[in-house]
N, C-alpha and C. Protein backbone atom coordinates (compact mmCIF):
# COMPACT_ATOMS: atom_id res chain seq x y z
N UNK A 1 -24.54 -0.40 2.35
CA UNK A 1 -25.51 0.35 3.59
C UNK A 1 -25.03 -1.61 4.52
N UNK A 2 -24.58 -1.72 5.22
CA UNK A 2 -24.47 -3.00 5.87
C UNK A 2 -25.58 -3.25 7.12
N UNK A 3 -26.54 -4.00 7.14
CA UNK A 3 -27.23 -4.27 8.20
C UNK A 3 -27.71 -5.68 8.23
N UNK A 4 -27.92 -6.84 9.51
CA UNK A 4 -28.26 -7.90 9.11
C UNK A 4 -29.37 -8.10 8.52
N UNK A 5 -29.61 -9.25 7.86
CA UNK A 5 -30.24 -9.84 7.03
C UNK A 5 -31.57 -10.21 8.08
N UNK A 6 -32.70 -9.84 7.56
CA UNK A 6 -33.77 -9.85 8.86
C UNK A 6 -35.44 -11.35 7.62
N UNK A 7 -35.96 -11.71 8.16
CA UNK A 7 -36.81 -12.41 7.83
C UNK A 7 -37.54 -12.43 6.68
N UNK A 8 -37.95 -10.33 6.45
CA UNK A 8 -38.34 -9.83 5.78
C UNK A 8 -37.92 -10.58 4.06
N UNK A 9 -35.89 -10.40 4.28
CA UNK A 9 -35.56 -10.41 3.21
C UNK A 9 -35.78 -11.79 2.20
N UNK A 10 -36.38 -12.92 2.91
CA UNK A 10 -36.30 -14.14 2.40
C UNK A 10 -37.19 -13.68 1.14
N UNK A 11 -36.67 -14.35 0.18
CA UNK A 11 -37.04 -14.48 -0.99
C UNK A 11 -37.48 -13.99 -1.79
N UNK A 12 -36.74 -12.48 -1.30
CA UNK A 12 -35.62 -11.30 -2.39
C UNK A 12 -34.96 -11.92 -3.14
N UNK A 13 -34.98 -11.85 -5.48
CA UNK A 13 -34.23 -11.85 -5.43
C UNK A 13 -32.84 -10.55 -5.43
N UNK A 14 -31.46 -11.70 -5.52
CA UNK A 14 -30.46 -11.20 -5.46
C UNK A 14 -29.82 -10.85 -6.62
N UNK A 15 -29.46 -9.67 -6.60
CA UNK A 15 -28.85 -8.79 -8.02
C UNK A 15 -27.29 -8.28 -8.23
N UNK A 16 -26.41 -8.34 -8.97
CA UNK A 16 -25.87 -7.58 -8.81
C UNK A 16 -26.11 -5.69 -8.99
N UNK A 17 -24.52 -5.20 -8.44
CA UNK A 17 -25.23 -3.79 -8.65
C UNK A 17 -25.31 -3.29 -10.12
N UNK A 18 -25.28 -3.91 -10.98
CA UNK A 18 -25.78 -3.82 -12.48
C UNK A 18 -27.62 -4.16 -12.92
N UNK A 19 -27.45 -5.49 -12.18
CA UNK A 19 -28.70 -6.12 -11.92
C UNK A 19 -29.46 -7.07 -12.07
N UNK A 20 -28.70 -7.54 -12.65
CA UNK A 20 -28.69 -8.86 -13.13
C UNK A 20 -28.87 -9.94 -11.90
N UNK A 21 -29.64 -10.36 -11.94
CA UNK A 21 -30.50 -11.68 -11.06
C UNK A 21 -29.74 -12.63 -10.92
N UNK A 22 -28.75 -13.36 -9.66
CA UNK A 22 -27.53 -14.39 -9.39
C UNK A 22 -28.64 -15.47 -8.78
N UNK A 23 -29.99 -14.94 -7.61
CA UNK A 23 -30.52 -16.10 -6.84
C UNK A 23 -31.22 -15.52 -5.95
N UNK A 24 -31.88 -15.87 -5.38
CA UNK A 24 -32.76 -15.41 -4.08
C UNK A 24 -32.54 -15.87 -2.45
N UNK A 25 -33.26 -14.91 -2.47
CA UNK A 25 -32.81 -15.55 -0.60
C UNK A 25 -33.59 -16.57 -0.08
N UNK A 26 -33.04 -17.84 0.49
CA UNK A 26 -33.79 -18.86 0.53
C UNK A 26 -34.24 -18.96 2.53
N UNK A 27 -32.97 -18.74 3.06
CA UNK A 27 -33.02 -18.43 4.30
C UNK A 27 -32.49 -17.50 5.04
N UNK A 28 -32.53 -17.15 6.39
CA UNK A 28 -32.29 -15.91 6.79
C UNK A 28 -31.56 -16.64 8.82
N UNK A 29 -30.45 -16.73 9.06
CA UNK A 29 -29.85 -16.93 9.92
C UNK A 29 -29.23 -15.92 10.80
N UNK A 30 -29.25 -15.60 12.06
CA UNK A 30 -28.50 -15.41 12.74
C UNK A 30 -28.33 -13.65 11.61
N UNK A 31 -28.36 -12.81 11.38
CA UNK A 31 -28.12 -11.88 10.59
C UNK A 31 -27.91 -12.21 8.56
N UNK A 32 -27.49 -13.29 8.60
CA UNK A 32 -26.98 -13.50 7.43
C UNK A 32 -27.78 -14.54 6.72
N UNK A 33 -27.75 -14.27 5.49
CA UNK A 33 -29.03 -15.13 4.14
C UNK A 33 -28.19 -15.91 3.39
N UNK A 34 -28.82 -16.96 3.00
CA UNK A 34 -28.74 -18.10 2.67
C UNK A 34 -29.15 -17.71 1.06
N UNK A 35 -28.44 -17.92 -0.05
CA UNK A 35 -28.81 -17.71 -1.21
C UNK A 35 -28.70 -18.70 -1.85
N UNK A 36 -29.71 -19.27 -2.89
CA UNK A 36 -29.99 -20.49 -3.80
C UNK A 36 -29.62 -20.09 -4.68
N UNK A 37 -28.20 -20.11 -5.90
CA UNK A 37 -27.75 -19.13 -7.08
C UNK A 37 -28.78 -19.84 -8.25
N UNK A 38 -28.79 -18.81 -9.06
CA UNK A 38 -29.38 -19.52 -10.38
C UNK A 38 -28.73 -19.77 -11.19
N UNK A 39 -28.94 -21.38 -11.33
CA UNK A 39 -28.00 -22.01 -12.31
C UNK A 39 -27.52 -21.31 -13.07
N UNK A 40 -28.27 -20.76 -13.94
CA UNK A 40 -27.80 -19.66 -15.41
C UNK A 40 -27.35 -19.09 -15.10
N UNK A 41 -27.04 -18.31 -14.02
CA UNK A 41 -26.52 -16.87 -13.57
C UNK A 41 -25.01 -16.97 -14.22
N UNK A 42 -24.70 -15.96 -14.80
CA UNK A 42 -23.23 -15.87 -15.41
C UNK A 42 -22.56 -14.99 -14.34
N UNK A 43 -22.03 -15.80 -13.03
CA UNK A 43 -21.43 -15.04 -12.08
C UNK A 43 -19.80 -14.79 -13.00
N UNK A 44 -19.76 -13.69 -12.86
CA UNK A 44 -18.14 -13.14 -13.13
C UNK A 44 -17.28 -13.72 -11.67
N UNK A 45 -15.61 -14.36 -12.40
CA UNK A 45 -14.68 -13.79 -10.64
C UNK A 45 -14.71 -12.49 -9.93
N UNK A 46 -15.09 -11.31 -10.67
CA UNK A 46 -15.28 -10.50 -9.24
C UNK A 46 -16.74 -10.33 -8.58
N UNK A 47 -17.69 -10.91 -9.21
CA UNK A 47 -18.92 -10.85 -8.04
C UNK A 47 -18.55 -12.62 -7.17
N UNK A 48 -17.79 -13.37 -7.60
CA UNK A 48 -17.23 -14.06 -6.84
C UNK A 48 -17.14 -14.27 -5.57
N UNK A 49 -15.81 -13.10 -6.23
CA UNK A 49 -14.47 -12.97 -5.37
C UNK A 49 -15.42 -11.72 -3.75
N UNK A 50 -16.04 -10.86 -4.64
CA UNK A 50 -16.77 -9.75 -3.60
C UNK A 50 -17.70 -10.57 -2.77
N UNK A 51 -18.33 -11.98 -2.37
CA UNK A 51 -19.31 -12.77 -1.21
C UNK A 51 -18.91 -13.57 -1.10
N UNK A 52 -17.16 -14.47 -1.35
CA UNK A 52 -16.48 -15.42 -1.65
C UNK A 52 -17.12 -16.43 -1.49
N UNK A 53 -18.05 -17.07 -2.72
CA UNK A 53 -18.54 -17.68 -3.24
C UNK A 53 -17.50 -19.08 -4.51
N UNK A 54 -17.45 -19.92 -4.05
CA UNK A 54 -16.63 -21.32 -4.90
C UNK A 54 -17.72 -20.82 -6.23
N UNK A 55 -17.05 -22.07 -7.29
CA UNK A 55 -17.86 -22.79 -8.32
C UNK A 55 -18.47 -23.47 -8.07
N UNK A 56 -18.56 -24.50 -6.98
CA UNK A 56 -19.57 -25.74 -6.96
C UNK A 56 -20.33 -26.08 -5.78
N UNK A 57 -20.88 -24.67 -5.45
CA UNK A 57 -22.01 -24.90 -4.21
C UNK A 57 -23.13 -24.03 -5.27
N UNK A 58 -24.40 -24.90 -4.71
CA UNK A 58 -25.49 -24.32 -5.19
C UNK A 58 -26.31 -23.00 -4.37
N UNK A 59 -26.30 -23.75 -3.19
CA UNK A 59 -26.18 -22.21 -1.81
C UNK A 59 -25.10 -21.62 -1.54
N UNK A 60 -25.48 -20.85 -1.52
CA UNK A 60 -23.98 -19.70 -0.83
C UNK A 60 -24.47 -18.63 0.22
N UNK A 61 -23.67 -17.96 1.54
CA UNK A 61 -23.53 -17.20 2.37
C UNK A 61 -23.92 -15.87 2.27
N UNK A 62 -24.46 -14.82 2.61
CA UNK A 62 -24.68 -13.16 2.32
C UNK A 62 -24.09 -12.42 3.37
N UNK A 63 -23.35 -12.23 3.19
CA UNK A 63 -23.67 -10.77 4.95
C UNK A 63 -23.74 -9.11 4.59
N UNK A 64 -24.30 -9.09 5.03
CA UNK A 64 -25.27 -7.22 4.77
C UNK A 64 -23.83 -6.53 4.27
N UNK A 65 -22.73 -6.90 4.46
CA UNK A 65 -21.72 -5.99 3.91
C UNK A 65 -21.27 -6.24 2.25
N UNK A 66 -21.97 -7.24 2.03
CA UNK A 66 -21.76 -7.15 0.50
C UNK A 66 -23.05 -7.01 -0.19
N UNK A 67 -23.94 -6.04 0.75
CA UNK A 67 -25.01 -5.37 -0.38
C UNK A 67 -24.69 -4.03 0.03
N UNK A 68 -25.52 -3.45 -1.75
CA UNK A 68 -26.00 -1.96 -1.28
C UNK A 68 -27.40 -1.41 -0.93
N UNK A 69 -28.07 -2.31 -1.53
CA UNK A 69 -29.53 -1.62 -1.01
C UNK A 69 -30.35 -2.55 -0.99
N UNK A 70 -31.21 -2.28 -0.01
CA UNK A 70 -32.57 -3.55 0.12
C UNK A 70 -33.46 -2.97 0.25
N UNK A 71 -34.27 -3.48 -1.35
CA UNK A 71 -35.35 -2.96 -1.81
C UNK A 71 -36.65 -3.67 -1.42
N UNK A 72 -37.83 -3.26 -2.01
CA UNK A 72 -39.23 -4.06 -1.54
C UNK A 72 -38.97 -5.66 -2.48
N UNK A 73 -38.08 -6.15 -3.39
CA UNK A 73 -38.55 -7.26 -3.77
C UNK A 73 -36.98 -7.99 -4.11
N UNK A 74 -35.95 -7.04 -3.80
CA UNK A 74 -34.76 -7.44 -4.06
C UNK A 74 -33.64 -7.13 -2.85
N UNK A 75 -32.39 -7.61 -3.77
CA UNK A 75 -30.88 -7.27 -2.97
C UNK A 75 -30.15 -7.13 -3.86
N UNK A 76 -29.90 -5.89 -3.51
CA UNK A 76 -28.26 -5.49 -4.59
C UNK A 76 -26.81 -5.10 -4.04
N UNK A 77 -26.28 -5.84 -5.15
CA UNK A 77 -25.21 -6.45 -3.97
C UNK A 77 -24.03 -4.87 -4.39
N UNK A 78 -23.25 -4.81 -3.92
CA UNK A 78 -22.45 -3.70 -3.59
C UNK A 78 -20.87 -3.71 -5.37
N UNK A 79 -20.85 -3.28 -5.72
CA UNK A 79 -19.93 -2.80 -6.65
C UNK A 79 -18.43 -3.72 -6.20
């Protein structure tokens, strides 16, 4: 369900397709979201590859094409 992020997505949890929380949408700019990653989140290489995140960043950009669904309180990543 690709769409641009909006201000309504700010402060939503970001979860994997399995429902594991990996961070929070901290900012939205030009349809893209900045995610503050949880320090204790166990991000697999598959998830990092899916969204294009490196190991040493605390905040990362998320694009709408990485998202499976937008819910009231969270954004669920695609598989």
